[in-house]
Amino acid sequence: MLGTRLVSFSEGEAVLETPIREELLQQNGFVHGGVLGYAADNALTFAGGSALGPAVLTSEYKINYLRPAAGKKLVARAAVVYSGRRQAVCRCDVLSVGESGEERLCATAQGTVSSTAGGVPDDSEV
């Protein structure tokens, strides 16, 4: 729905791009914080999955909004900081890219990605 593309995926790293459209802006004309959070969450999960395998979920993340995002696209660059057998701690920078290609850091996030390879507990197991 947002038009996000995975543009780079390698061991321990992932980069996503989201085109900025009017529908993604908040009342002041900047990209809505939820869109930045979506980009960070997904980039963190892809990066963590590169270390843990495809069966992963984000178990938590924190984001700091640093400045308003505007321009032609968002870029979310994530990397694994540490990976064990069942979880990976990752960080992500979310940048806005202007019409002439200049990048501005808009948000930074850190999160934990957990493997679900052993299955996800149902309600009776929680």
Protein backbone atom coordinates (compact mmCIF):
# COMPACT_ATOMS: atom_id res chain seq x y z
CA MET A 1 0.00 0.00 0.00
CA LEU A 2 2.87 2.38 0.68
CA GLY A 3 4.94 1.37 -2.35
CA THR A 4 7.98 0.41 -0.28
CA ARG A 5 10.68 -1.58 -2.07
CA LEU A 6 13.51 -3.67 -0.68
CA VAL A 7 16.43 -2.22 -2.65
CA SER A 8 19.34 -3.94 -0.90
CA PHE A 9 19.52 -7.12 1.16
CA SER A 10 22.72 -8.78 2.31
CA GLU A 11 24.10 -10.53 5.39
CA GLY A 12 23.38 -8.21 8.31
CA GLU A 13 21.96 -5.31 6.28
CA ALA A 14 18.81 -4.16 4.53
CA VAL A 15 17.76 -0.98 2.75
CA LEU A 16 14.16 -0.04 1.95
CA GLU A 17 12.84 2.91 -0.08
CA THR A 18 9.39 4.47 0.14
CA PRO A 19 8.25 7.11 -2.35
CA ILE A 20 6.81 10.17 -0.63
CA ARG A 21 3.25 10.85 -1.81
CA GLU A 22 0.64 13.32 -0.64
CA GLU A 23 -1.36 10.51 1.03
CA LEU A 24 1.57 9.88 3.41
CA LEU A 25 1.76 13.45 4.72
CA GLN A 26 0.37 14.76 7.98
CA GLN A 27 -1.44 18.09 8.53
CA ASN A 28 1.74 20.20 8.30
CA GLY A 29 2.91 18.68 5.02
CA PHE A 30 5.59 16.37 6.45
CA VAL A 31 5.70 12.58 6.18
CA HIS A 32 3.58 11.11 8.97
CA GLY A 33 5.60 9.62 11.84
CA GLY A 34 3.77 6.32 11.40
CA VAL A 35 5.27 6.00 7.92
CA LEU A 36 8.77 6.55 9.32
CA GLY A 37 8.03 3.96 12.01
CA TYR A 38 6.77 1.50 9.38
CA ALA A 39 9.96 1.97 7.33
CA ALA A 40 12.21 1.51 10.37
CA ASP A 41 10.32 -1.53 11.67
CA ASN A 42 10.45 -3.30 8.32
CA ALA A 43 14.11 -2.50 7.66
CA LEU A 44 15.02 -3.72 11.17
CA THR A 45 13.14 -6.97 10.57
CA PHE A 46 14.73 -7.60 7.17
CA ALA A 47 18.21 -6.97 8.62
CA GLY A 48 17.51 -9.28 11.57
CA GLY A 49 16.10 -11.92 9.23
CA SER A 50 19.30 -11.85 7.21
CA ALA A 51 21.09 -13.14 10.32
CA LEU A 52 18.38 -15.38 11.82
CA GLY A 53 16.55 -16.70 8.76
CA PRO A 54 13.18 -15.84 7.25
CA ALA A 55 10.98 -16.88 10.21
CA VAL A 56 11.28 -13.71 12.33
CA LEU A 57 9.18 -11.06 14.03
CA THR A 58 10.05 -7.70 15.55
CA SER A 59 9.76 -8.17 19.30
CA GLU A 60 10.37 -4.50 20.13
CA TYR A 61 11.70 -1.29 18.69
CA LYS A 62 12.27 2.30 19.73
CA ILE A 63 12.41 5.26 17.38
CA ASN A 64 13.69 8.79 17.80
CA TYR A 65 12.21 11.37 15.42
CA LEU A 66 14.98 13.88 14.73
CA ARG A 67 13.48 16.26 12.14
CA PRO A 68 10.48 16.41 9.81
CA ALA A 69 10.70 14.32 6.65
CA ALA A 70 9.95 15.79 3.23
CA GLY A 71 11.25 15.26 -0.29
CA LYS A 72 10.83 12.59 -2.94
CA LYS A 73 11.51 9.39 -0.97
CA LEU A 74 12.41 7.86 2.37
CA VAL A 75 15.35 5.51 2.74
CA ALA A 76 15.56 3.15 5.73
CA ARG A 77 19.03 1.61 6.23
CA ALA A 78 19.27 -1.11 8.86
CA ALA A 79 22.15 -3.22 10.13
CA VAL A 80 22.58 -5.99 12.68
CA VAL A 81 24.47 -4.85 15.79
CA TYR A 82 24.50 -8.27 17.48
CA SER A 83 22.98 -11.62 16.63
CA GLY A 84 22.60 -14.74 18.73
CA ARG A 85 20.74 -17.97 17.94
CA ARG A 86 17.22 -16.66 18.69
CA GLN A 87 17.41 -12.87 18.47
CA ALA A 88 19.22 -10.04 16.74
CA VAL A 89 19.60 -6.45 17.88
CA CYS A 90 19.52 -4.06 14.93
CA ARG A 91 19.67 -0.34 14.30
CA CYS A 92 18.19 1.73 11.50
CA ASP A 93 18.50 5.26 10.15
CA VAL A 94 15.59 6.75 8.23
CA LEU A 95 16.54 9.48 5.79
CA SER A 96 14.54 11.73 3.51
CA VAL A 97 15.93 12.27 0.02
CA GLY A 98 15.27 15.59 -1.71
CA GLU A 99 14.74 16.32 -5.38
CA SER A 100 18.48 16.84 -5.99
CA GLY A 101 19.44 13.66 -4.09
CA GLU A 102 20.54 15.22 -0.80
CA GLU A 103 19.86 13.04 2.24
CA ARG A 104 18.68 14.27 5.64
CA LEU A 105 18.58 12.06 8.72
CA CYS A 106 14.99 12.18 10.02
CA ALA A 107 14.81 9.31 12.50
CA THR A 108 16.91 6.62 14.08
CA ALA A 109 15.65 3.37 15.58
CA GLN A 110 16.87 0.31 17.42
CA GLY A 111 15.01 -2.95 17.73
CA THR A 112 15.12 -6.61 18.61
CA VAL A 113 14.16 -9.20 16.02
CA SER A 114 13.26 -12.68 17.29
CA SER A 115 13.31 -16.00 15.48
CA THR A 116 10.03 -17.87 15.24
CA ALA A 117 11.65 -20.96 13.74
CA GLY A 118 10.57 -22.99 16.80
CA GLY A 119 6.99 -21.75 16.40
CA VAL A 120 5.05 -18.88 17.88
CA PRO A 121 3.35 -19.52 21.23
CA ASP A 122 -0.44 -19.45 21.11
CA ASP A 123 -2.62 -17.86 23.81
CA SER A 124 -2.49 -20.97 26.00
CA GLU A 125 1.31 -20.86 26.14
CA VAL A 126 1.70 -17.17 27.08
